[in-house]
Amino acid sequence: MLLPAKSEVARQLRRYRAWERSMLASPSDVAVRATFEDSGYTLCVLMGKRCAREAAEAAERYLRTNLVTCAQEQPELLSPSGRKTPSGAA
């Protein structure tokens, strides 16, 4: 599994959090809500998650960890026996 550049994850997480604050300040603003949802979708794709909240949490964890720790936290990188596989496949 390829991991995204930490600089891009940080940039997208900042964007998501900024639009989240704007959306909470102006919940009836359709344009702000749409941009917030777009930023959440981008973060989901980047982090491989289905929910923007999970993607934001994964991004924060990823930015706090080094490459080895991140790989160990990703269950899809482990085989059913719990051992890492060379190609990332189970």
N, C-alpha and C. Protein backbone atom coordinates (compact mmCIF):
# COMPACT_ATOMS: atom_id res chain seq x y z
N MET A 1 0.84 -1.18 0.00
CA MET A 1 0.00 0.00 0.00
C MET A 1 0.89 1.24 0.00
N LEU A 2 0.60 2.15 -0.88
CA LEU A 2 1.32 3.42 -0.91
C LEU A 2 0.72 4.36 0.12
N LEU A 3 1.58 5.05 0.81
CA LEU A 3 1.12 6.03 1.79
C LEU A 3 1.28 7.43 1.21
N PRO A 4 0.34 8.31 1.48
CA PRO A 4 0.43 9.68 0.95
C PRO A 4 1.54 10.47 1.62
N ALA A 5 2.00 11.48 0.93
CA ALA A 5 3.01 12.38 1.49
C ALA A 5 2.43 13.07 2.72
N LYS A 6 3.21 13.12 3.77
CA LYS A 6 2.73 13.74 5.00
C LYS A 6 2.39 15.22 4.79
N SER A 7 3.12 15.88 3.92
CA SER A 7 2.84 17.30 3.66
C SER A 7 1.45 17.47 3.04
N GLU A 8 1.07 16.54 2.15
CA GLU A 8 -0.25 16.62 1.53
C GLU A 8 -1.35 16.27 2.54
N VAL A 9 -1.10 15.29 3.36
CA VAL A 9 -2.07 14.93 4.40
C VAL A 9 -2.28 16.12 5.34
N ALA A 10 -1.19 16.75 5.75
CA ALA A 10 -1.29 17.91 6.64
C ALA A 10 -2.07 19.04 5.98
N ARG A 11 -1.80 19.29 4.71
CA ARG A 11 -2.49 20.36 3.99
C ARG A 11 -3.99 20.07 3.89
N GLN A 12 -4.35 18.85 3.54
CA GLN A 12 -5.76 18.50 3.41
C GLN A 12 -6.47 18.48 4.76
N LEU A 13 -5.77 18.05 5.80
CA LEU A 13 -6.36 18.06 7.14
C LEU A 13 -6.61 19.49 7.60
N ARG A 14 -5.67 20.40 7.36
CA ARG A 14 -5.87 21.82 7.70
C ARG A 14 -7.07 22.38 6.95
N ARG A 15 -7.17 22.05 5.66
CA ARG A 15 -8.29 22.53 4.83
C ARG A 15 -9.63 22.00 5.38
N TYR A 16 -9.66 20.71 5.70
CA TYR A 16 -10.87 20.10 6.25
C TYR A 16 -11.28 20.78 7.56
N ARG A 17 -10.33 20.97 8.47
CA ARG A 17 -10.63 21.60 9.77
C ARG A 17 -11.09 23.05 9.60
N ALA A 18 -10.49 23.78 8.67
CA ALA A 18 -10.89 25.17 8.42
C ALA A 18 -12.33 25.23 7.91
N TRP A 19 -12.67 24.36 6.96
CA TRP A 19 -14.03 24.35 6.44
C TRP A 19 -15.02 23.82 7.47
N GLU A 20 -14.57 22.93 8.34
CA GLU A 20 -15.42 22.45 9.42
C GLU A 20 -15.80 23.61 10.34
N ARG A 21 -14.82 24.43 10.70
CA ARG A 21 -15.11 25.60 11.55
C ARG A 21 -16.07 26.56 10.84
N SER A 22 -15.85 26.79 9.55
CA SER A 22 -16.73 27.69 8.79
C SER A 22 -18.14 27.13 8.73
N MET A 23 -18.26 25.83 8.51
CA MET A 23 -19.58 25.22 8.42
C MET A 23 -20.31 25.28 9.76
N LEU A 24 -19.58 25.08 10.85
CA LEU A 24 -20.21 25.17 12.16
C LEU A 24 -20.63 26.60 12.49
N ALA A 25 -19.89 27.57 11.97
CA ALA A 25 -20.23 28.98 12.19
C ALA A 25 -21.42 29.42 11.33
N SER A 26 -21.56 28.81 10.15
CA SER A 26 -22.63 29.17 9.22
C SER A 26 -23.31 27.92 8.67
N PRO A 27 -24.05 27.20 9.51
CA PRO A 27 -24.62 25.92 9.07
C PRO A 27 -25.64 26.03 7.94
N SER A 28 -26.24 27.18 7.77
CA SER A 28 -27.24 27.33 6.72
C SER A 28 -26.65 27.77 5.38
N ASP A 29 -25.36 28.05 5.34
CA ASP A 29 -24.70 28.46 4.10
C ASP A 29 -24.42 27.23 3.24
N VAL A 30 -25.17 27.09 2.16
CA VAL A 30 -25.07 25.91 1.30
C VAL A 30 -23.70 25.79 0.66
N ALA A 31 -23.11 26.89 0.25
CA ALA A 31 -21.80 26.86 -0.40
C ALA A 31 -20.71 26.41 0.58
N VAL A 32 -20.78 26.89 1.79
CA VAL A 32 -19.80 26.50 2.81
C VAL A 32 -19.95 25.01 3.11
N ARG A 33 -21.18 24.55 3.27
CA ARG A 33 -21.42 23.13 3.55
C ARG A 33 -20.90 22.25 2.41
N ALA A 34 -21.15 22.66 1.18
CA ALA A 34 -20.69 21.87 0.02
C ALA A 34 -19.16 21.80 -0.01
N THR A 35 -18.50 22.90 0.26
CA THR A 35 -17.04 22.91 0.25
C THR A 35 -16.50 22.07 1.40
N PHE A 36 -17.15 22.12 2.55
CA PHE A 36 -16.75 21.28 3.68
C PHE A 36 -16.88 19.81 3.31
N GLU A 37 -17.99 19.44 2.70
CA GLU A 37 -18.19 18.05 2.29
C GLU A 37 -17.18 17.62 1.23
N ASP A 38 -16.84 18.51 0.32
CA ASP A 38 -15.81 18.22 -0.68
C ASP A 38 -14.46 17.97 -0.02
N SER A 39 -14.12 18.80 0.96
CA SER A 39 -12.84 18.63 1.65
C SER A 39 -12.82 17.32 2.43
N GLY A 40 -13.95 16.94 2.99
CA GLY A 40 -14.05 15.66 3.69
C GLY A 40 -13.89 14.49 2.74
N TYR A 41 -14.49 14.60 1.57
CA TYR A 41 -14.37 13.54 0.56
C TYR A 41 -12.91 13.39 0.13
N THR A 42 -12.23 14.50 -0.10
CA THR A 42 -10.82 14.45 -0.49
C THR A 42 -9.99 13.77 0.58
N LEU A 43 -10.24 14.08 1.83
CA LEU A 43 -9.52 13.46 2.94
C LEU A 43 -9.82 11.96 3.01
N CYS A 44 -11.07 11.58 2.76
CA CYS A 44 -11.45 10.16 2.74
C CYS A 44 -10.66 9.39 1.68
N VAL A 45 -10.59 9.96 0.49
CA VAL A 45 -9.86 9.30 -0.60
C VAL A 45 -8.39 9.21 -0.25
N LEU A 46 -7.83 10.26 0.26
CA LEU A 46 -6.42 10.30 0.61
C LEU A 46 -6.06 9.28 1.68
N MET A 47 -6.94 9.11 2.66
CA MET A 47 -6.65 8.23 3.79
C MET A 47 -7.28 6.85 3.65
N GLY A 48 -8.05 6.62 2.61
CA GLY A 48 -8.67 5.32 2.40
C GLY A 48 -9.76 4.99 3.41
N LYS A 49 -10.53 5.98 3.79
CA LYS A 49 -11.61 5.79 4.76
C LYS A 49 -12.94 6.16 4.11
N ARG A 50 -14.03 5.67 4.69
CA ARG A 50 -15.37 5.94 4.14
C ARG A 50 -16.06 7.13 4.80
N CYS A 51 -15.59 7.52 5.95
CA CYS A 51 -16.22 8.58 6.73
C CYS A 51 -15.20 9.70 6.95
N ALA A 52 -15.63 10.93 6.77
CA ALA A 52 -14.71 12.07 6.92
C ALA A 52 -14.13 12.15 8.33
N ARG A 53 -14.93 11.87 9.32
CA ARG A 53 -14.44 11.91 10.70
C ARG A 53 -13.35 10.86 10.90
N GLU A 54 -13.56 9.65 10.38
CA GLU A 54 -12.53 8.60 10.47
C GLU A 54 -11.28 9.00 9.70
N ALA A 55 -11.48 9.62 8.55
CA ALA A 55 -10.34 10.06 7.73
C ALA A 55 -9.53 11.12 8.46
N ALA A 56 -10.21 12.05 9.13
CA ALA A 56 -9.50 13.08 9.88
C ALA A 56 -8.72 12.47 11.04
N GLU A 57 -9.33 11.52 11.74
CA GLU A 57 -8.63 10.84 12.83
C GLU A 57 -7.43 10.05 12.31
N ALA A 58 -7.61 9.37 11.17
CA ALA A 58 -6.51 8.61 10.57
C ALA A 58 -5.39 9.54 10.13
N ALA A 59 -5.75 10.69 9.60
CA ALA A 59 -4.74 11.67 9.16
C ALA A 59 -3.95 12.19 10.37
N GLU A 60 -4.64 12.47 11.45
CA GLU A 60 -3.96 12.94 12.66
C GLU A 60 -3.02 11.87 13.20
N ARG A 61 -3.48 10.61 13.23
CA ARG A 61 -2.62 9.51 13.67
C ARG A 61 -1.41 9.37 12.76
N TYR A 62 -1.64 9.43 11.46
CA TYR A 62 -0.57 9.28 10.47
C TYR A 62 0.48 10.38 10.64
N LEU A 63 0.05 11.58 10.89
CA LEU A 63 0.99 12.69 11.05
C LEU A 63 1.79 12.58 12.35
N ARG A 64 1.25 11.88 13.35
CA ARG A 64 1.95 11.69 14.62
C ARG A 64 2.94 10.53 14.59
N THR A 65 2.79 9.64 13.64
CA THR A 65 3.58 8.41 13.66
C THR A 65 4.65 8.39 12.59
N ASN A 66 5.56 7.44 12.75
CA ASN A 66 6.54 7.21 11.70
C ASN A 66 5.99 6.13 10.77
N LEU A 67 6.69 5.82 9.71
CA LEU A 67 6.23 4.89 8.68
C LEU A 67 5.98 3.49 9.24
N VAL A 68 6.86 2.99 10.08
CA VAL A 68 6.73 1.63 10.61
C VAL A 68 5.49 1.53 11.49
N THR A 69 5.29 2.47 12.38
CA THR A 69 4.13 2.45 13.26
C THR A 69 2.85 2.53 12.46
N CYS A 70 2.81 3.36 11.45
CA CYS A 70 1.61 3.51 10.61
C CYS A 70 1.29 2.19 9.91
N ALA A 71 2.30 1.52 9.37
CA ALA A 71 2.08 0.25 8.68
C ALA A 71 1.56 -0.80 9.64
N GLN A 72 2.03 -0.79 10.88
CA GLN A 72 1.57 -1.76 11.87
C GLN A 72 0.12 -1.51 12.28
N GLU A 73 -0.33 -0.26 12.20
CA GLU A 73 -1.70 0.08 12.57
C GLU A 73 -2.69 -0.21 11.46
N GLN A 74 -2.21 -0.45 10.24
CA GLN A 74 -3.10 -0.69 9.10
C GLN A 74 -3.37 -2.19 8.99
N PRO A 75 -4.54 -2.67 9.39
CA PRO A 75 -4.81 -4.11 9.37
C PRO A 75 -4.75 -4.71 7.97
N GLU A 76 -5.02 -3.94 6.94
CA GLU A 76 -4.98 -4.47 5.58
C GLU A 76 -3.57 -4.79 5.12
N LEU A 77 -2.57 -4.33 5.86
CA LEU A 77 -1.19 -4.65 5.51
C LEU A 77 -0.71 -5.93 6.20
N LEU A 78 -1.56 -6.50 7.05
CA LEU A 78 -1.16 -7.70 7.76
C LEU A 78 -1.89 -8.91 7.21
N SER A 79 -1.25 -10.04 7.23
CA SER A 79 -1.87 -11.29 6.82
C SER A 79 -2.79 -11.77 7.93
N PRO A 80 -3.64 -12.77 7.68
CA PRO A 80 -4.52 -13.29 8.73
C PRO A 80 -3.75 -13.80 9.95
N SER A 81 -2.52 -14.24 9.76
CA SER A 81 -1.73 -14.74 10.89
C SER A 81 -1.16 -13.60 11.73
N GLY A 82 -1.29 -12.35 11.23
CA GLY A 82 -0.79 -11.21 11.96
C GLY A 82 0.62 -10.82 11.56
N ARG A 83 1.19 -11.54 10.60
CA ARG A 83 2.53 -11.21 10.13
C ARG A 83 2.45 -10.33 8.89
N LYS A 84 3.39 -9.43 8.78
CA LYS A 84 3.42 -8.57 7.61
C LYS A 84 3.75 -9.38 6.38
N THR A 85 3.08 -9.06 5.29
CA THR A 85 3.39 -9.71 4.03
C THR A 85 4.20 -8.73 3.19
N PRO A 86 5.10 -9.22 2.35
CA PRO A 86 5.95 -8.34 1.57
C PRO A 86 5.18 -7.41 0.64
N SER A 87 4.11 -7.90 0.03
CA SER A 87 3.40 -7.09 -0.95
C SER A 87 2.23 -6.35 -0.34
N GLY A 88 1.94 -6.58 0.93
CA GLY A 88 0.80 -5.95 1.58
C GLY A 88 -0.48 -6.75 1.39
N ALA A 89 -0.41 -7.84 0.61
CA ALA A 89 -1.58 -8.69 0.39
C ALA A 89 -1.66 -9.75 1.46
N ALA A 90 -2.85 -10.18 1.74
CA ALA A 90 -3.05 -11.21 2.76
C ALA A 90 -2.73 -12.58 2.21
